[in-house]
Amino acid sequence: MMLPVTDVDRAQQFYAETLGLDFTGRNDEGSAMFVLGGGTTLVLLPRPDSHPAESTAMSFEVEDVTSEISALEGRGVTFEDYDLPDVKTVDHVCEFGDERAAWFKDPDGHVLCLHQGVT
């Protein structure tokens, strides 16, 4: 997974310290790299002129969305709230049938999602 960022140092700090992802180093281009679940690698590409996508850039599956929201808010993350025809959040969480989701932005404005399957 590659994500363009305007400031690699700032993004690296957010993804490592705020989100708690495992930083594995930088490549020759200066991209910060992180290990994600399932053997996937997140590469934060230095792109000073980049702009965030309008939709969700990345989603993280978690066991308990509510507890993850609490933990991330404690580290300074602000969650998005929506009141749209297809997406309405209550306490930052949207229910989609058998799934719960919440959204927040990284320092570059990329929309990130936490989601949890409900059984």
Protein backbone atom coordinates (compact mmCIF):
# COMPACT_ATOMS: atom_id res chain seq x y z
CA MET A 1 0.00 0.00 0.00
CA MET A 2 1.49 3.33 -1.05
CA LEU A 3 0.32 6.65 0.31
CA PRO A 4 1.75 10.02 -0.82
CA VAL A 5 2.59 12.43 2.01
CA THR A 6 3.84 16.01 2.00
CA ASP A 7 6.11 15.61 5.05
CA VAL A 8 7.53 12.11 5.63
CA ASP A 9 8.90 12.90 9.11
CA ARG A 10 5.52 14.18 10.33
CA ALA A 11 3.66 11.26 8.73
CA GLN A 12 6.14 8.74 10.11
CA GLN A 13 5.65 10.11 13.61
CA PHE A 14 1.84 9.94 13.27
CA TYR A 15 1.75 6.39 11.91
CA ALA A 16 4.35 5.08 14.37
CA GLU A 17 3.60 6.97 17.57
CA THR A 18 -0.09 7.86 17.28
CA LEU A 19 -1.35 4.77 15.42
CA GLY A 20 1.27 2.38 16.80
CA LEU A 21 2.28 0.82 13.48
CA ASP A 22 5.63 -0.99 13.27
CA PHE A 23 8.14 1.25 11.48
CA THR A 24 10.68 -0.83 9.54
CA GLY A 25 12.89 1.92 8.09
CA ARG A 26 13.26 4.12 5.06
CA ASN A 27 14.10 3.20 1.50
CA ASP A 28 16.53 5.01 -0.84
CA GLU A 29 13.78 7.43 -1.91
CA GLY A 30 13.18 8.45 1.71
CA SER A 31 9.83 6.68 2.00
CA ALA A 32 8.90 5.55 5.49
CA MET A 33 7.85 1.89 5.61
CA PHE A 34 5.58 0.08 8.06
CA VAL A 35 4.49 -3.53 8.49
CA LEU A 36 0.72 -4.08 8.32
CA GLY A 37 -1.31 -7.22 8.98
CA GLY A 38 -1.19 -10.06 6.49
CA GLY A 39 2.36 -9.25 5.40
CA THR A 40 1.37 -5.99 3.72
CA THR A 41 3.72 -3.01 3.77
CA LEU A 42 2.64 0.61 4.04
CA VAL A 43 4.98 2.96 2.17
CA LEU A 44 4.66 6.69 2.85
CA LEU A 45 5.92 8.30 -0.34
CA PRO A 46 7.51 11.77 -0.13
CA ARG A 47 5.37 13.88 -2.47
CA PRO A 48 5.46 17.55 -1.36
CA ASP A 49 2.75 18.57 -3.86
CA SER A 50 0.35 15.68 -3.19
CA HIS A 51 -3.29 16.09 -2.21
CA PRO A 52 -5.41 13.60 -0.23
CA ALA A 53 -7.97 11.41 -1.95
CA GLU A 54 -11.61 12.37 -1.38
CA SER A 55 -12.56 8.88 -0.23
CA THR A 56 -11.14 6.48 2.34
CA ALA A 57 -7.46 5.85 1.64
CA MET A 58 -6.97 2.94 4.02
CA SER A 59 -9.00 0.86 6.46
CA PHE A 60 -7.87 -1.03 9.55
CA GLU A 61 -9.84 -3.99 10.86
CA VAL A 62 -10.05 -3.91 14.66
CA GLU A 63 -11.74 -6.06 17.27
CA ASP A 64 -13.53 -3.22 19.06
CA VAL A 65 -14.08 0.09 17.25
CA THR A 66 -15.29 1.87 20.38
CA SER A 67 -12.21 1.03 22.45
CA GLU A 68 -9.90 1.94 19.53
CA ILE A 69 -11.66 5.32 19.21
CA SER A 70 -11.06 5.95 22.92
CA ALA A 71 -7.40 4.98 22.69
CA LEU A 72 -6.76 7.11 19.60
CA GLU A 73 -8.64 10.11 20.97
CA GLY A 74 -6.35 9.84 24.00
CA ARG A 75 -3.44 10.25 21.59
CA GLY A 76 -4.94 13.33 19.95
CA VAL A 77 -6.84 11.82 17.00
CA THR A 78 -10.05 13.61 16.03
CA PHE A 79 -12.78 11.45 14.52
CA GLU A 80 -15.06 12.55 11.73
CA ASP A 81 -18.84 12.60 12.13
CA TYR A 82 -21.26 12.26 9.23
CA ASP A 83 -24.97 12.84 8.75
CA LEU A 84 -25.54 11.78 5.15
CA PRO A 85 -28.31 9.68 3.58
CA ASP A 86 -26.08 6.55 3.49
CA VAL A 87 -23.67 7.31 6.34
CA LYS A 88 -24.70 8.54 9.77
CA THR A 89 -22.41 8.34 12.77
CA VAL A 90 -23.42 8.18 16.41
CA ASP A 91 -20.52 8.75 18.82
CA HIS A 92 -18.26 8.62 15.73
CA VAL A 93 -19.49 5.13 14.74
CA CYS A 94 -21.58 4.15 11.73
CA GLU A 95 -23.46 0.84 11.66
CA PHE A 96 -23.62 -0.97 8.29
CA GLY A 97 -25.59 -4.16 8.84
CA ASP A 98 -22.96 -6.50 10.31
CA GLU A 99 -20.16 -3.92 10.35
CA ARG A 100 -19.25 -0.88 12.45
CA ALA A 101 -16.89 1.83 11.17
CA ALA A 102 -15.33 5.13 12.22
CA TRP A 103 -13.19 7.60 10.24
CA PHE A 104 -10.37 10.02 11.01
CA LYS A 105 -7.69 11.87 9.04
CA ASP A 106 -3.92 11.66 9.06
CA PRO A 107 -1.79 14.84 9.06
CA ASP A 108 -2.01 15.02 5.24
CA GLY A 109 -5.80 14.83 5.27
CA HIS A 110 -6.04 11.20 4.08
CA VAL A 111 -9.22 9.62 5.40
CA LEU A 112 -8.50 6.47 7.40
CA CYS A 113 -11.10 4.03 8.67
CA LEU A 114 -11.42 1.65 11.58
CA HIS A 115 -13.89 -1.16 10.97
CA GLN A 116 -15.19 -4.07 12.98
CA GLY A 117 -17.30 -7.03 11.96
CA VAL A 118 -20.30 -7.58 14.20
CA THR A 119 -21.58 -11.11 14.71
